[in-house]
Amino acid sequence: MTDVARAQFIATVVRTQHAVAALLAGNAEPEKELWSRRDDITLANPSGGFRRGWADVEAGLDLAASGFAGGRSCTFEEVAVEAGTDIGYVFELERFQSEQTEGRGVTAGALRAVMIFRMEHNDWKLVHRQADTLTERTT
């Protein structure tokens, strides 16, 4: 991978991190812009189950954002990042605090997230995101 291509992929990862922070503030639109619209995309949020295809993924993003009223903090720790010419991935830890809707108070959490990207029309697009609760290693 050229230095320019790697820089473009890293810029996409950073855009994704900003989009995740926006979602945790109740706005799913920035993250929606990053996703492929193909039928093979998949989303597995920490709330369980999975979604497949753009209509289902979009509904899942809207549902996730609907529980948050405002983000307080969101930090990312990249564990692994790699990209080829048309496929890339990132594995990161996401820690956040956010206001919940309906006056339910503040929620805080830590997630393990894996995102897979595909090059489509000279732009990196998300094709898969799986996030689950980060628990400390026991051994």
N, C-alpha and C. Protein backbone atom coordinates (compact mmCIF):
# COMPACT_ATOMS: atom_id res chain seq x y z
N MET A 1 0.85 -1.17 0.00
CA MET A 1 0.00 0.00 0.00
C MET A 1 0.90 1.23 0.00
N THR A 2 0.54 2.20 -0.82
CA THR A 2 1.32 3.43 -0.87
C THR A 2 1.07 4.28 0.37
N ASP A 3 1.96 5.21 0.62
CA ASP A 3 1.78 6.11 1.75
C ASP A 3 0.51 6.94 1.61
N VAL A 4 0.18 7.33 0.39
CA VAL A 4 -1.03 8.12 0.15
C VAL A 4 -2.27 7.29 0.45
N ALA A 5 -2.29 6.03 -0.02
CA ALA A 5 -3.43 5.15 0.23
C ALA A 5 -3.59 4.87 1.71
N ARG A 6 -2.47 4.65 2.41
CA ARG A 6 -2.55 4.41 3.85
C ARG A 6 -3.09 5.65 4.58
N ALA A 7 -2.63 6.82 4.18
CA ALA A 7 -3.12 8.06 4.79
C ALA A 7 -4.62 8.22 4.56
N GLN A 8 -5.08 7.85 3.37
CA GLN A 8 -6.51 7.93 3.08
C GLN A 8 -7.29 6.97 3.97
N PHE A 9 -6.77 5.77 4.18
CA PHE A 9 -7.45 4.81 5.05
C PHE A 9 -7.48 5.31 6.49
N ILE A 10 -6.37 5.81 6.99
CA ILE A 10 -6.32 6.33 8.37
C ILE A 10 -7.28 7.50 8.52
N ALA A 11 -7.38 8.35 7.52
CA ALA A 11 -8.34 9.47 7.58
C ALA A 11 -9.77 8.94 7.68
N THR A 12 -10.06 7.84 7.00
CA THR A 12 -11.39 7.23 7.09
C THR A 12 -11.63 6.68 8.49
N VAL A 13 -10.63 6.06 9.09
CA VAL A 13 -10.76 5.55 10.46
C VAL A 13 -11.07 6.72 11.41
N VAL A 14 -10.39 7.82 11.26
CA VAL A 14 -10.63 9.00 12.11
C VAL A 14 -12.05 9.53 11.89
N ARG A 15 -12.49 9.58 10.63
CA ARG A 15 -13.88 10.00 10.36
C ARG A 15 -14.87 9.07 11.04
N THR A 16 -14.56 7.79 11.05
CA THR A 16 -15.43 6.82 11.70
C THR A 16 -15.47 7.07 13.21
N GLN A 17 -14.34 7.38 13.81
CA GLN A 17 -14.32 7.68 15.24
C GLN A 17 -15.17 8.91 15.56
N HIS A 18 -15.08 9.94 14.74
CA HIS A 18 -15.93 11.13 14.93
C HIS A 18 -17.41 10.76 14.78
N ALA A 19 -17.70 9.87 13.83
CA ALA A 19 -19.08 9.45 13.60
C ALA A 19 -19.62 8.65 14.79
N VAL A 20 -18.79 7.79 15.37
CA VAL A 20 -19.20 7.03 16.56
C VAL A 20 -19.49 7.99 17.70
N ALA A 21 -18.64 9.00 17.89
CA ALA A 21 -18.87 10.00 18.94
C ALA A 21 -20.19 10.74 18.70
N ALA A 22 -20.48 11.06 17.44
CA ALA A 22 -21.75 11.73 17.11
C ALA A 22 -22.93 10.83 17.43
N LEU A 23 -22.82 9.54 17.11
CA LEU A 23 -23.89 8.60 17.41
C LEU A 23 -24.15 8.55 18.91
N LEU A 24 -23.07 8.58 19.69
CA LEU A 24 -23.21 8.55 21.15
C LEU A 24 -23.75 9.87 21.70
N ALA A 25 -23.88 10.87 20.83
CA ALA A 25 -24.53 12.13 21.20
C ALA A 25 -25.95 12.19 20.62
N GLY A 26 -26.39 11.10 19.99
CA GLY A 26 -27.75 11.03 19.47
C GLY A 26 -27.89 11.30 17.99
N ASN A 27 -26.79 11.42 17.24
CA ASN A 27 -26.85 11.75 15.82
C ASN A 27 -26.21 10.62 15.00
N ALA A 28 -27.03 9.85 14.31
CA ALA A 28 -26.53 8.73 13.50
C ALA A 28 -26.10 9.15 12.10
N GLU A 29 -26.43 10.37 11.66
CA GLU A 29 -26.18 10.77 10.27
C GLU A 29 -24.71 10.68 9.85
N PRO A 30 -23.75 11.17 10.66
CA PRO A 30 -22.35 11.06 10.22
C PRO A 30 -21.90 9.62 10.00
N GLU A 31 -22.39 8.70 10.82
CA GLU A 31 -22.00 7.30 10.62
C GLU A 31 -22.67 6.72 9.39
N LYS A 32 -23.91 7.08 9.13
CA LYS A 32 -24.61 6.58 7.94
C LYS A 32 -23.84 6.94 6.67
N GLU A 33 -23.23 8.10 6.64
CA GLU A 33 -22.49 8.55 5.45
C GLU A 33 -21.30 7.63 5.14
N LEU A 34 -20.80 6.91 6.13
CA LEU A 34 -19.60 6.09 5.96
C LEU A 34 -19.89 4.69 5.43
N TRP A 35 -21.14 4.28 5.46
CA TRP A 35 -21.48 2.89 5.14
C TRP A 35 -21.72 2.67 3.66
N SER A 36 -21.34 1.47 3.20
CA SER A 36 -21.69 1.00 1.87
C SER A 36 -23.21 0.83 1.83
N ARG A 37 -23.77 0.87 0.64
CA ARG A 37 -25.21 0.65 0.48
C ARG A 37 -25.51 -0.73 -0.11
N ARG A 38 -24.52 -1.59 -0.16
CA ARG A 38 -24.70 -2.93 -0.74
C ARG A 38 -25.42 -3.86 0.23
N ASP A 39 -25.99 -4.92 -0.32
CA ASP A 39 -26.78 -5.86 0.47
C ASP A 39 -25.96 -6.74 1.40
N ASP A 40 -24.63 -6.80 1.21
CA ASP A 40 -23.81 -7.71 2.01
C ASP A 40 -23.24 -7.07 3.28
N ILE A 41 -23.61 -5.83 3.59
CA ILE A 41 -23.06 -5.19 4.79
C ILE A 41 -23.73 -5.75 6.04
N THR A 42 -22.97 -5.71 7.17
CA THR A 42 -23.49 -6.26 8.42
C THR A 42 -23.10 -5.37 9.60
N LEU A 43 -23.97 -5.35 10.59
CA LEU A 43 -23.77 -4.57 11.82
C LEU A 43 -24.16 -5.45 13.00
N ALA A 44 -23.28 -5.52 14.00
CA ALA A 44 -23.56 -6.26 15.23
C ALA A 44 -23.26 -5.32 16.40
N ASN A 45 -24.31 -4.67 16.89
CA ASN A 45 -24.17 -3.75 18.03
C ASN A 45 -24.16 -4.53 19.34
N PRO A 46 -23.69 -3.90 20.42
CA PRO A 46 -23.63 -4.60 21.71
C PRO A 46 -25.00 -4.98 22.27
N SER A 47 -26.07 -4.42 21.74
CA SER A 47 -27.40 -4.74 22.26
C SER A 47 -27.88 -6.12 21.83
N GLY A 48 -27.14 -6.77 20.93
CA GLY A 48 -27.45 -8.14 20.56
C GLY A 48 -27.93 -8.27 19.13
N GLY A 49 -27.92 -9.50 18.66
CA GLY A 49 -28.35 -9.78 17.31
C GLY A 49 -27.42 -9.20 16.27
N PHE A 50 -27.91 -9.13 15.04
CA PHE A 50 -27.15 -8.51 13.97
C PHE A 50 -28.11 -7.98 12.93
N ARG A 51 -27.61 -7.14 12.07
CA ARG A 51 -28.39 -6.57 10.98
C ARG A 51 -27.62 -6.76 9.68
N ARG A 52 -28.37 -6.96 8.58
CA ARG A 52 -27.74 -7.21 7.28
C ARG A 52 -28.46 -6.41 6.21
N GLY A 53 -27.69 -5.78 5.32
CA GLY A 53 -28.24 -4.96 4.25
C GLY A 53 -28.46 -3.53 4.72
N TRP A 54 -28.43 -2.59 3.77
CA TRP A 54 -28.46 -1.18 4.13
C TRP A 54 -29.70 -0.78 4.92
N ALA A 55 -30.89 -1.19 4.51
CA ALA A 55 -32.10 -0.77 5.22
C ALA A 55 -32.07 -1.22 6.69
N ASP A 56 -31.63 -2.44 6.92
CA ASP A 56 -31.57 -2.98 8.27
C ASP A 56 -30.46 -2.31 9.09
N VAL A 57 -29.30 -2.10 8.47
CA VAL A 57 -28.20 -1.42 9.16
C VAL A 57 -28.60 0.02 9.51
N GLU A 58 -29.21 0.71 8.58
CA GLU A 58 -29.64 2.09 8.84
C GLU A 58 -30.61 2.14 10.02
N ALA A 59 -31.57 1.21 10.06
CA ALA A 59 -32.51 1.15 11.18
C ALA A 59 -31.78 0.89 12.50
N GLY A 60 -30.76 0.04 12.47
CA GLY A 60 -29.98 -0.24 13.68
C GLY A 60 -29.20 0.98 14.16
N LEU A 61 -28.65 1.74 13.23
CA LEU A 61 -27.92 2.96 13.61
C LEU A 61 -28.88 3.98 14.21
N ASP A 62 -30.05 4.13 13.60
CA ASP A 62 -31.05 5.06 14.15
C ASP A 62 -31.50 4.64 15.54
N LEU A 63 -31.72 3.33 15.72
CA LEU A 63 -32.14 2.82 17.02
C LEU A 63 -31.06 3.07 18.07
N ALA A 64 -29.81 2.80 17.72
CA ALA A 64 -28.71 3.02 18.68
C ALA A 64 -28.63 4.49 19.07
N ALA A 65 -28.71 5.38 18.10
CA ALA A 65 -28.60 6.82 18.39
C ALA A 65 -29.78 7.33 19.20
N SER A 66 -30.94 6.70 19.05
CA SER A 66 -32.15 7.19 19.73
C SER A 66 -32.07 7.10 21.24
N GLY A 67 -31.17 6.30 21.76
CA GLY A 67 -31.04 6.16 23.21
C GLY A 67 -30.12 7.18 23.86
N PHE A 68 -29.45 7.99 23.03
CA PHE A 68 -28.48 8.95 23.56
C PHE A 68 -28.94 10.38 23.31
N ALA A 69 -28.74 11.23 24.31
CA ALA A 69 -29.16 12.63 24.21
C ALA A 69 -27.98 13.58 24.06
N GLY A 70 -26.79 13.16 24.43
CA GLY A 70 -25.63 14.03 24.31
C GLY A 70 -24.38 13.32 24.78
N GLY A 71 -23.34 13.41 23.98
CA GLY A 71 -22.09 12.76 24.34
C GLY A 71 -21.27 13.61 25.29
N ARG A 72 -20.67 13.00 26.26
CA ARG A 72 -19.78 13.69 27.19
C ARG A 72 -18.33 13.47 26.81
N SER A 73 -17.98 12.21 26.55
CA SER A 73 -16.61 11.90 26.14
C SER A 73 -16.60 10.61 25.35
N CYS A 74 -15.64 10.51 24.47
CA CYS A 74 -15.47 9.29 23.68
C CYS A 74 -14.01 9.22 23.27
N THR A 75 -13.32 8.16 23.69
CA THR A 75 -11.91 7.99 23.35
C THR A 75 -11.72 6.65 22.65
N PHE A 76 -10.67 6.59 21.85
CA PHE A 76 -10.40 5.41 21.04
C PHE A 76 -8.95 5.00 21.21
N GLU A 77 -8.75 3.70 21.32
CA GLU A 77 -7.40 3.14 21.37
C GLU A 77 -7.30 2.11 20.26
N GLU A 78 -6.52 2.40 19.26
CA GLU A 78 -6.36 1.46 18.16
C GLU A 78 -5.44 0.32 18.59
N VAL A 79 -5.92 -0.90 18.41
CA VAL A 79 -5.14 -2.09 18.74
C VAL A 79 -4.44 -2.60 17.49
N ALA A 80 -5.17 -2.61 16.37
CA ALA A 80 -4.61 -3.06 15.10
C ALA A 80 -5.31 -2.34 13.96
N VAL A 81 -4.53 -1.93 12.98
CA VAL A 81 -5.06 -1.28 11.78
C VAL A 81 -4.26 -1.82 10.60
N GLU A 82 -4.98 -2.22 9.55
CA GLU A 82 -4.30 -2.72 8.36
C GLU A 82 -5.20 -2.50 7.16
N ALA A 83 -4.59 -2.22 6.03
CA ALA A 83 -5.37 -2.04 4.80
C ALA A 83 -4.56 -2.50 3.62
N GLY A 84 -5.24 -3.11 2.69
CA GLY A 84 -4.66 -3.47 1.40
C GLY A 84 -5.16 -2.48 0.37
N THR A 85 -5.24 -2.91 -0.86
CA THR A 85 -5.68 -2.00 -1.91
C THR A 85 -7.19 -1.83 -1.94
N ASP A 86 -7.95 -2.84 -1.46
CA ASP A 86 -9.40 -2.71 -1.51
C ASP A 86 -10.13 -3.17 -0.25
N ILE A 87 -9.42 -3.71 0.73
CA ILE A 87 -10.02 -4.14 2.00
C ILE A 87 -9.12 -3.65 3.14
N GLY A 88 -9.76 -3.16 4.21
CA GLY A 88 -9.00 -2.75 5.39
C GLY A 88 -9.81 -3.01 6.64
N TYR A 89 -9.13 -3.03 7.77
CA TYR A 89 -9.84 -3.23 9.03
C TYR A 89 -9.16 -2.44 10.14
N VAL A 90 -9.94 -2.23 11.20
CA VAL A 90 -9.40 -1.65 12.42
C VAL A 90 -10.04 -2.39 13.59
N PHE A 91 -9.23 -2.68 14.58
CA PHE A 91 -9.70 -3.22 15.86
C PHE A 91 -9.33 -2.17 16.89
N GLU A 92 -10.34 -1.67 17.59
CA GLU A 92 -10.07 -0.61 18.56
C GLU A 92 -10.91 -0.79 19.81
N LEU A 93 -10.47 -0.13 20.87
CA LEU A 93 -11.22 -0.05 22.11
C LEU A 93 -11.87 1.32 22.15
N GLU A 94 -13.14 1.36 22.48
CA GLU A 94 -13.90 2.61 22.55
C GLU A 94 -14.42 2.78 23.97
N ARG A 95 -14.08 3.89 24.57
CA ARG A 95 -14.58 4.21 25.92
C ARG A 95 -15.40 5.48 25.83
N PHE A 96 -16.56 5.48 26.50
CA PHE A 96 -17.46 6.63 26.35
C PHE A 96 -18.27 6.91 27.60
N GLN A 97 -18.75 8.14 27.65
CA GLN A 97 -19.78 8.57 28.58
C GLN A 97 -20.78 9.37 27.77
N SER A 98 -22.07 9.14 28.02
CA SER A 98 -23.09 9.83 27.26
C SER A 98 -24.35 10.01 28.09
N GLU A 99 -25.04 11.13 27.84
CA GLU A 99 -26.36 11.35 28.44
C GLU A 99 -27.35 10.44 27.72
N GLN A 100 -28.24 9.83 28.48
CA GLN A 100 -29.28 9.01 27.88
C GLN A 100 -30.54 9.84 27.68
N THR A 101 -31.40 9.40 26.79
CA THR A 101 -32.66 10.10 26.56
C THR A 101 -33.61 9.89 27.73
N GLU A 102 -34.65 10.69 27.74
CA GLU A 102 -35.73 10.60 28.72
C GLU A 102 -35.25 10.73 30.16
N GLY A 103 -34.18 11.51 30.36
CA GLY A 103 -33.70 11.78 31.71
C GLY A 103 -33.21 10.57 32.46
N ARG A 104 -32.73 9.55 31.76
CA ARG A 104 -32.28 8.32 32.42
C ARG A 104 -30.87 8.42 32.96
N GLY A 105 -30.26 9.60 32.87
CA GLY A 105 -28.94 9.79 33.44
C GLY A 105 -27.82 9.53 32.46
N VAL A 106 -26.64 9.37 33.02
CA VAL A 106 -25.42 9.19 32.22
C VAL A 106 -25.08 7.70 32.17
N THR A 107 -24.66 7.26 31.03
CA THR A 107 -24.17 5.89 30.88
C THR A 107 -22.70 5.96 30.47
N ALA A 108 -21.94 5.01 30.94
CA ALA A 108 -20.53 4.92 30.57
C ALA A 108 -20.26 3.48 30.15
N GLY A 109 -19.33 3.32 29.23
CA GLY A 109 -19.02 1.98 28.80
C GLY A 109 -17.70 1.90 28.07
N ALA A 110 -17.31 0.67 27.80
CA ALA A 110 -16.10 0.40 27.03
C ALA A 110 -16.44 -0.76 26.09
N LEU A 111 -16.09 -0.59 24.83
CA LEU A 111 -16.40 -1.58 23.81
C LEU A 111 -15.14 -2.05 23.09
N ARG A 112 -15.17 -3.29 22.64
CA ARG A 112 -14.21 -3.79 21.66
C ARG A 112 -14.92 -3.69 20.33
N ALA A 113 -14.31 -3.02 19.37
CA ALA A 113 -14.97 -2.83 18.08
C ALA A 113 -14.04 -3.25 16.95
N VAL A 114 -14.60 -4.00 16.02
CA VAL A 114 -13.89 -4.37 14.80
C VAL A 114 -14.70 -3.82 13.64
N MET A 115 -14.03 -3.08 12.75
CA MET A 115 -14.68 -2.53 11.57
C MET A 115 -13.91 -2.96 10.33
N ILE A 116 -14.66 -3.38 9.34
CA ILE A 116 -14.07 -3.78 8.06
C ILE A 116 -14.55 -2.79 7.00
N PHE A 117 -13.62 -2.36 6.17
CA PHE A 117 -13.89 -1.38 5.12
C PHE A 117 -13.58 -1.99 3.76
N ARG A 118 -14.27 -1.48 2.75
CA ARG A 118 -14.02 -1.90 1.38
C ARG A 118 -13.92 -0.64 0.52
N MET A 119 -13.01 -0.68 -0.44
CA MET A 119 -12.87 0.43 -1.37
C MET A 119 -14.01 0.35 -2.38
N GLU A 120 -14.80 1.41 -2.46
CA GLU A 120 -15.91 1.50 -3.43
C GLU A 120 -15.84 2.86 -4.10
N HIS A 121 -15.69 2.88 -5.39
CA HIS A 121 -15.66 4.13 -6.16
C HIS A 121 -14.63 5.11 -5.59
N ASN A 122 -13.43 4.59 -5.31
CA ASN A 122 -12.31 5.39 -4.80
C ASN A 122 -12.55 5.99 -3.42
N ASP A 123 -13.39 5.33 -2.62
CA ASP A 123 -13.66 5.80 -1.27
C ASP A 123 -13.82 4.58 -0.36
N TRP A 124 -13.24 4.64 0.84
CA TRP A 124 -13.39 3.55 1.80
C TRP A 124 -14.79 3.60 2.40
N LYS A 125 -15.48 2.47 2.39
CA LYS A 125 -16.83 2.37 2.95
C LYS A 125 -16.87 1.25 3.98
N LEU A 126 -17.59 1.49 5.06
CA LEU A 126 -17.79 0.46 6.07
C LEU A 126 -18.65 -0.65 5.49
N VAL A 127 -18.25 -1.89 5.73
CA VAL A 127 -19.06 -3.03 5.31
C VAL A 127 -19.42 -3.93 6.50
N HIS A 128 -18.73 -3.74 7.61
CA HIS A 128 -19.04 -4.53 8.81
C HIS A 128 -18.54 -3.79 10.05
N ARG A 129 -19.36 -3.80 11.09
CA ARG A 129 -18.94 -3.31 12.41
C ARG A 129 -19.53 -4.25 13.44
N GLN A 130 -18.65 -4.73 14.31
CA GLN A 130 -19.10 -5.53 15.44
C GLN A 130 -18.49 -4.91 16.69
N ALA A 131 -19.34 -4.63 17.66
CA ALA A 131 -18.88 -4.07 18.92
C ALA A 131 -19.52 -4.83 20.06
N ASP A 132 -18.71 -5.15 21.06
CA ASP A 132 -19.24 -5.80 22.25
C ASP A 132 -18.56 -5.22 23.47
N THR A 133 -19.15 -5.51 24.61
CA THR A 133 -18.65 -4.95 25.86
C THR A 133 -17.24 -5.45 26.15
N LEU A 134 -16.39 -4.52 26.46
CA LEU A 134 -15.01 -4.85 26.82
C LEU A 134 -14.98 -5.36 28.25
N THR A 135 -14.45 -6.55 28.42
CA THR A 135 -14.24 -7.09 29.75
C THR A 135 -12.75 -7.34 29.90
N GLU A 136 -12.29 -7.27 31.11
CA GLU A 136 -10.86 -7.46 31.35
C GLU A 136 -10.50 -8.94 31.20
N ARG A 137 -9.32 -9.18 30.71
CA ARG A 137 -8.82 -10.54 30.52
C ARG A 137 -8.66 -11.19 31.90
N THR A 138 -9.06 -12.45 32.01
CA THR A 138 -9.00 -13.14 33.30
C THR A 138 -7.74 -13.96 33.48
N THR A 139 -7.01 -14.24 32.40
CA THR A 139 -5.78 -15.01 32.55
C THR A 139 -4.65 -14.32 31.83
